[in-house]
Protein backbone atom coordinates (compact mmCIF):
# COMPACT_ATOMS: atom_id res chain seq x y z
CA MET A 1 0.00 0.00 0.00
CA ARG A 2 1.30 3.46 -0.92
CA LEU A 3 0.67 5.98 1.88
CA LEU A 4 1.17 9.73 2.01
CA ILE A 5 1.43 11.16 5.52
CA LEU A 6 0.95 14.92 5.75
CA GLY A 7 3.23 15.55 8.69
CA GLY A 8 4.63 12.32 10.04
CA THR A 9 7.62 13.54 12.03
CA ARG A 10 6.11 14.19 15.49
CA PHE A 11 4.15 12.10 18.01
CA LEU A 12 1.05 10.66 16.31
CA GLY A 13 2.41 11.22 12.81
CA ARG A 14 5.61 9.51 13.82
CA ALA A 15 3.65 6.56 15.26
CA ILE A 16 1.69 6.26 12.01
CA VAL A 17 4.88 6.23 9.96
CA ASP A 18 6.52 3.64 12.21
CA GLU A 19 3.46 1.38 12.04
CA ALA A 20 3.16 1.65 8.27
CA VAL A 21 6.84 0.97 7.71
CA SER A 22 6.69 -2.06 10.03
CA ARG A 23 3.99 -3.48 7.75
CA GLY A 24 6.15 -3.06 4.69
CA TYR A 25 4.10 -0.24 3.16
CA ASP A 26 5.50 2.36 0.81
CA VAL A 27 5.48 5.53 2.94
CA THR A 28 6.04 9.14 1.93
CA THR A 29 5.93 12.08 4.33
CA PHE A 30 5.32 15.69 3.37
CA SER A 31 6.38 18.35 5.87
CA ARG A 32 8.47 21.47 6.19
CA GLY A 33 11.27 19.42 7.76
CA HIS A 34 11.70 21.82 10.70
CA SER A 35 11.11 19.30 13.49
CA GLY A 36 11.03 15.63 14.27
CA HIS A 37 12.56 12.95 12.11
CA PRO A 38 11.30 11.32 8.90
CA GLY A 39 11.88 7.73 10.03
CA ARG A 40 13.83 4.96 8.37
CA GLY A 41 12.62 3.52 5.11
CA VAL A 42 10.54 6.62 4.37
CA GLU A 43 10.57 8.90 1.37
CA THR A 44 10.62 12.51 2.55
CA ILE A 45 9.26 15.43 0.55
CA HIS A 46 9.81 18.85 2.06
CA GLY A 47 7.35 21.63 1.44
CA ASP A 48 5.03 24.20 2.95
CA ARG A 49 1.34 23.35 2.70
CA THR A 50 0.44 27.02 2.56
CA GLN A 51 2.25 27.28 -0.78
CA LEU A 52 0.53 25.85 -3.86
CA ALA A 53 3.84 25.30 -5.67
CA ASP A 54 5.00 23.04 -2.85
CA LEU A 55 1.72 21.12 -2.76
CA GLU A 56 1.98 20.42 -6.47
CA LYS A 57 5.00 18.21 -5.71
CA LEU A 58 2.41 15.65 -4.56
CA THR A 59 0.49 15.48 -7.83
CA GLN A 60 3.01 13.42 -9.75
CA ARG A 61 1.70 10.07 -8.52
CA ASP A 62 -1.32 8.31 -7.03
CA TRP A 63 -1.79 7.20 -3.43
CA ASP A 64 -3.77 4.38 -1.85
CA GLY A 65 -4.30 6.60 1.16
CA VAL A 66 -3.54 10.01 2.63
CA ILE A 67 -3.44 10.62 6.40
CA ASP A 68 -3.42 14.24 7.55
CA THR A 69 -2.39 14.91 11.17
CA SER A 70 -1.94 18.67 10.81
CA VAL A 71 -3.16 21.62 12.86
CA LEU A 72 -3.57 24.07 9.99
CA ALA A 73 -6.20 26.61 9.03
CA PRO A 74 -9.13 25.10 7.11
CA VAL A 75 -8.20 27.04 3.98
CA HIS A 76 -4.88 25.18 3.78
CA VAL A 77 -6.41 21.80 4.61
CA ALA A 78 -8.94 22.46 1.85
CA ALA A 79 -6.18 23.18 -0.66
CA SER A 80 -4.41 19.91 0.13
CA ALA A 81 -7.61 17.86 0.06
CA ARG A 82 -8.77 19.32 -3.26
CA LEU A 83 -5.39 18.76 -4.86
CA LEU A 84 -5.19 15.15 -3.68
CA ALA A 85 -8.86 14.21 -4.11
CA GLU A 86 -8.28 12.64 -7.53
CA ARG A 87 -4.89 11.21 -6.55
CA ALA A 88 -5.90 9.30 -3.41
CA ALA A 89 -8.28 6.39 -3.05
CA HIS A 90 -8.94 7.27 0.61
CA TYR A 91 -8.31 10.32 2.79
CA THR A 92 -8.07 10.40 6.60
CA TYR A 93 -8.19 13.61 8.57
CA VAL A 94 -7.23 13.36 12.24
CA SER A 95 -9.47 15.78 14.09
CA THR A 96 -10.45 15.92 17.79
CA ILE A 97 -13.43 15.56 20.11
CA SER A 98 -12.92 19.27 20.84
CA VAL A 99 -14.94 20.02 17.66
CA TYR A 100 -18.20 19.36 19.52
CA ALA A 101 -20.16 22.47 20.43
CA ASP A 102 -21.35 20.95 23.73
CA TYR A 103 -18.01 19.43 24.76
CA PRO A 104 -16.82 19.12 27.50
CA GLY A 105 -19.92 20.26 29.34
CA ARG A 106 -22.22 17.52 28.03
CA PRO A 107 -21.94 13.94 26.73
CA VAL A 108 -21.44 13.70 22.96
CA THR A 109 -21.75 11.20 20.13
CA GLU A 110 -20.72 11.42 16.49
CA ASP A 111 -24.13 12.95 15.76
CA SER A 112 -23.67 15.86 18.17
CA PRO A 113 -23.32 19.30 16.52
CA ALA A 114 -19.84 20.58 15.75
CA LEU A 115 -18.57 24.10 16.30
CA PRO A 116 -19.19 26.58 13.49
CA CYS A 117 -16.24 27.33 11.26
CA PRO A 118 -16.28 27.56 7.45
CA PRO A 119 -14.09 25.24 5.37
CA ASP A 120 -12.22 28.19 3.87
CA ALA A 121 -11.43 29.96 7.14
CA GLU A 122 -8.02 31.55 7.50
CA GLY A 123 -6.13 32.07 10.73
CA THR A 124 -4.29 30.04 13.33
CA GLU A 125 -5.08 27.92 16.36
CA GLU A 126 -4.66 31.05 18.46
CA THR A 127 -7.03 33.21 16.41
CA LEU A 128 -9.64 30.61 15.49
CA GLY A 129 -9.41 28.31 18.50
CA TYR A 130 -8.36 24.67 18.34
CA GLY A 131 -11.87 23.20 18.19
CA PRO A 132 -13.22 25.56 15.51
CA LEU A 133 -10.06 25.20 13.41
CA LYS A 134 -10.44 21.43 13.40
CA ALA A 135 -14.19 21.63 12.72
CA GLY A 136 -13.62 23.84 9.68
CA SER A 137 -10.86 21.53 8.45
CA GLU A 138 -13.18 18.53 8.74
CA ARG A 139 -15.70 20.32 6.52
CA ALA A 140 -12.96 21.11 4.01
CA VAL A 141 -11.96 17.45 3.73
CA GLN A 142 -15.54 16.20 3.54
CA ALA A 143 -16.32 18.67 0.73
CA ALA A 144 -13.24 17.75 -1.30
CA VAL A 145 -13.24 13.97 -0.79
CA SER A 146 -16.92 13.18 -0.39
CA GLY A 147 -17.64 9.55 0.46
CA ARG A 148 -13.97 8.56 0.68
CA ALA A 149 -12.89 10.38 3.82
CA LEU A 150 -12.52 9.18 7.40
CA ILE A 151 -12.77 11.91 10.02
CA ALA A 152 -11.17 10.51 13.17
CA ARG A 153 -11.94 12.36 16.40
CA PRO A 154 -9.57 11.18 19.13
CA GLY A 155 -9.64 12.42 22.69
CA VAL A 156 -6.48 12.47 24.80
CA ILE A 157 -3.54 10.82 23.02
CA VAL A 158 -0.61 9.56 25.09
CA GLY A 159 2.42 7.35 24.65
CA PRO A 160 6.09 7.58 23.65
CA HIS A 161 7.07 10.94 22.10
CA GLU A 162 4.07 12.69 23.68
CA GLU A 163 4.37 16.47 23.60
CA ALA A 164 1.34 17.60 25.59
CA GLY A 165 2.80 16.62 28.98
CA ARG A 166 -0.12 14.58 30.27
CA LEU A 167 0.92 11.00 30.94
CA THR A 168 4.56 12.09 30.83
CA TRP A 169 3.92 14.60 33.64
CA TRP A 170 2.34 11.94 35.83
CA LEU A 171 5.23 9.57 35.16
CA ALA A 172 7.77 12.24 36.09
CA ARG A 173 5.82 13.10 39.23
CA LEU A 174 5.56 9.48 40.42
CA ALA A 175 9.23 8.98 39.63
CA ARG A 176 10.11 11.65 42.21
CA GLY A 177 8.24 9.71 44.89
CA GLY A 178 7.12 11.13 48.22
CA GLN A 179 3.61 12.39 48.86
CA VAL A 180 1.83 12.85 45.55
CA LEU A 181 -1.18 15.12 45.23
CA ALA A 182 -3.94 12.96 43.72
CA PRO A 183 -6.95 14.96 42.51
CA GLY A 184 -10.55 14.28 43.47
CA ARG A 185 -11.21 10.60 44.01
CA PRO A 186 -9.59 7.40 42.73
CA ASP A 187 -12.72 6.01 41.04
CA ARG A 188 -13.20 8.95 38.67
CA PRO A 189 -13.00 7.90 34.99
CA VAL A 190 -10.05 8.82 32.79
CA ARG A 191 -9.79 8.04 29.09
CA ALA A 192 -6.74 8.15 26.86
CA THR A 193 -5.54 6.42 23.70
CA ASP A 194 -2.03 5.17 23.08
CA ALA A 195 -0.74 6.84 19.90
CA ARG A 196 0.52 3.47 18.67
CA ASP A 197 -2.96 1.93 18.94
CA LEU A 198 -4.53 4.90 17.18
CA ALA A 199 -1.90 4.70 14.43
CA ALA A 200 -2.58 1.00 13.82
CA TRP A 201 -6.33 1.62 13.65
CA LEU A 202 -5.97 4.55 11.25
CA ILE A 203 -3.84 2.49 8.90
CA ASP A 204 -6.24 -0.46 9.10
CA ASN A 205 -9.12 1.81 8.13
CA THR A 206 -7.11 3.39 5.33
CA ARG A 207 -6.44 -0.07 3.94
CA ARG A 208 -10.15 -0.94 4.18
CA GLY A 209 -11.28 2.44 2.83
CA ILE A 210 -13.71 3.12 5.67
CA PRO A 211 -15.36 6.57 5.50
CA GLY A 212 -17.41 8.55 8.01
CA VAL A 213 -16.92 10.24 11.37
CA VAL A 214 -15.61 8.19 14.29
CA ASN A 215 -14.79 9.16 17.87
CA VAL A 216 -11.76 7.53 19.48
CA PRO A 217 -12.01 8.64 23.13
CA GLY A 218 -10.01 5.84 24.76
CA PRO A 219 -11.20 2.77 26.65
CA ALA A 220 -13.95 2.97 29.22
CA GLY A 221 -13.43 1.54 32.69
CA VAL A 222 -10.08 3.21 33.48
CA THR A 223 -9.89 5.46 36.54
CA MET A 224 -7.61 8.14 37.95
CA GLY A 225 -6.56 5.60 40.55
CA ASP A 226 -5.56 3.22 37.74
CA LEU A 227 -3.56 5.99 36.08
CA ILE A 228 -1.58 6.80 39.21
CA SER A 229 -1.03 3.10 39.99
CA ALA A 230 0.23 2.47 36.44
CA CYS A 231 2.67 5.38 36.64
CA ASP A 232 3.77 4.24 40.10
CA ALA A 233 4.53 0.73 38.83
CA ALA A 234 6.30 1.95 35.69
CA THR A 235 8.68 4.24 37.59
CA ARG A 236 9.22 2.25 40.80
CA ALA A 237 12.60 0.82 39.81
CA ASP A 238 13.98 4.30 39.08
CA ARG A 239 13.30 5.99 42.40
CA ALA A 240 14.82 5.60 45.83
CA GLY A 241 11.69 5.63 47.99
CA ASP A 242 7.95 5.06 47.86
CA ALA A 243 5.32 7.25 46.26
CA GLU A 244 2.29 7.93 48.43
CA PRO A 245 -0.84 9.32 46.72
CA ARG A 246 -2.85 11.72 48.90
CA TRP A 247 -6.34 12.26 47.53
CA VAL A 248 -7.44 15.87 47.80
CA PRO A 249 -11.14 16.72 47.18
CA ASP A 250 -12.11 18.72 44.11
CA GLU A 251 -13.54 21.48 46.25
CA THR A 252 -10.26 21.96 48.09
CA LEU A 253 -8.25 22.15 44.89
CA LEU A 254 -10.66 24.53 43.19
CA ALA A 255 -10.76 26.77 46.27
CA ALA A 256 -6.97 26.91 46.14
CA GLY A 257 -7.18 28.13 42.54
CA VAL A 258 -5.73 24.99 40.96
CA GLN A 259 -6.54 24.86 37.27
CA PRO A 260 -8.05 21.61 35.99
CA TRP A 261 -6.19 19.96 33.15
CA SER A 262 -3.32 22.43 32.87
CA GLU A 263 -1.99 22.34 36.44
CA ILE A 264 -3.09 18.75 37.09
CA PRO A 265 -3.15 16.91 33.76
CA LEU A 266 -6.25 14.76 33.10
CA TRP A 267 -8.05 16.14 36.16
CA ALA A 268 -11.66 16.92 35.21
CA PRO A 269 -13.53 17.79 38.43
CA ASP A 270 -17.28 17.48 38.90
CA THR A 271 -18.13 20.94 37.63
CA PRO A 272 -20.80 21.80 35.03
CA ASP A 273 -18.29 22.94 32.42
CA LEU A 274 -16.45 19.57 32.57
CA ALA A 275 -19.35 17.21 33.24
CA GLY A 276 -19.01 15.50 29.84
CA ALA A 277 -15.21 15.34 29.65
CA TRP A 278 -15.10 11.54 29.78
CA ARG A 279 -18.62 10.88 28.46
CA VAL A 280 -17.83 10.57 24.76
CA SER A 281 -19.31 7.73 22.76
CA GLY A 282 -16.63 5.37 21.46
CA ASP A 283 -18.78 2.39 20.38
CA ARG A 284 -18.42 3.07 16.67
CA ALA A 285 -14.62 2.84 16.85
CA LEU A 286 -14.81 -0.48 18.68
CA ARG A 287 -17.19 -1.88 16.06
CA ILE A 288 -14.70 -1.14 13.29
CA GLY A 289 -11.65 -2.56 14.95
CA MET A 290 -10.23 -0.10 17.49
CA ARG A 291 -8.32 -1.99 20.16
CA TYR A 292 -6.77 -0.38 23.21
CA ARG A 293 -3.78 -1.82 25.03
CA PRO A 294 -3.80 -1.84 28.87
CA LEU A 295 -2.84 1.47 30.45
CA ALA A 296 -0.02 -0.29 32.31
CA ASP A 297 1.58 -1.19 28.96
CA THR A 298 1.34 2.41 27.78
CA ALA A 299 2.83 3.71 31.04
CA HIS A 300 5.76 1.28 30.89
CA GLY A 301 6.41 1.98 27.20
CA THR A 302 6.25 5.73 27.68
CA TRP A 303 8.53 5.70 30.71
CA ALA A 304 11.04 3.48 28.87
CA TRP A 305 11.27 6.23 26.24
CA GLN A 306 11.08 9.14 28.70
CA ARG A 307 13.85 7.87 30.98
CA GLN A 308 16.26 8.02 28.02
CA LEU A 309 15.75 11.77 27.68
CA PRO A 310 18.32 14.19 29.12
CA ASP A 311 15.93 15.12 31.96
CA PRO A 312 13.12 12.59 32.49
CA ALA A 313 11.81 14.70 35.39
CA ALA A 314 11.02 17.55 32.97
CA PRO A 315 8.25 16.15 30.76
CA PRO A 316 8.79 17.10 27.12
CA HIS A 317 6.26 19.49 25.67
CA ALA A 318 5.77 21.48 22.50
CA PRO A 319 8.06 24.54 22.56
CA ASP A 320 5.16 26.89 21.83
CA ARG A 321 3.22 25.74 24.91
CA PRO A 322 3.81 26.32 28.64
CA ALA A 323 5.21 23.49 30.73
CA PRO A 324 2.34 21.43 32.18
CA GLY A 325 1.58 20.52 35.76
CA LEU A 326 1.86 21.83 39.30
CA GLY A 327 5.25 22.94 40.49
CA ALA A 328 6.77 21.11 43.46
CA ASP A 329 6.45 24.10 45.81
CA ARG A 330 2.79 24.60 44.91
CA GLU A 331 2.06 20.92 45.46
CA ARG A 332 3.72 20.94 48.89
CA GLU A 333 1.79 24.07 49.85
CA ILE A 334 -1.56 22.46 48.99
CA LEU A 335 -0.74 19.17 50.70
CA ALA A 336 0.35 21.02 53.83
CA SER A 337 -3.04 22.75 54.00
CA VAL A 338 -5.15 19.58 54.06
């Protein structure tokens, strides 16, 4: 199978490339070449998707599938999709559950309304907003590749090479040991998808030519207690002492001004604006082959990668984003008050 990956050098794109190459597929990546690595056994084409002359480099051949992992303005996604519509048998656009107008305040399914944004909108993630930008880009792909496009809407993506600092922050925190601030209660749901599992599923669906809109929110039945236990087990051999979770009620954390999600990754307290954070329908993905590995496997695999970095205690994150998580002094201050 001949695959074109728009991106393919960072996190999910990298996982897609690695999976495709491991299957013996003919893989080409198209990116600016400013970050990440192209991977072994991969043809690399450098270009800027905002420039038509660069995009035209892709029109010299046909593709069995195109997978687009970008965060670009809809107008640029539209240009790529239109140009490749007659060159690709199938087109996958990796979107997000953040496109839903009611998310994260209410439960959502694939039929829930998406945020308004036209398919030719210009701007950036900062000016349009992440959810609207992705919603407009979905519309651009659907208009250009009608009936042959898969719109994948993942939730939280974790795993080796993660840049958002979610699972990696928890791993780094458990690796330090001592008293660990654990938010809310241990039985609260948490959902996340290993990038390697998502990559395998995307390639499977490209091969099968499956169209439509599909949520990939992560497996049900996993809790915050499971997350902390998995990170504890993965890092235990690399720390001197024990790690002791101390569960602090939502109300206490909110009263102290702690910010959900950013200061404590994956913490979604019982507040109206976050009531639907983990209530995203994922049945459709399971019916068409999505399989999630155990969280313990993801934690061990991610820590095995993370501990090889120059500073495993400083979770890697995208350079254009602030470092995630509570600082050590702030954590001690909150724990001392309860």
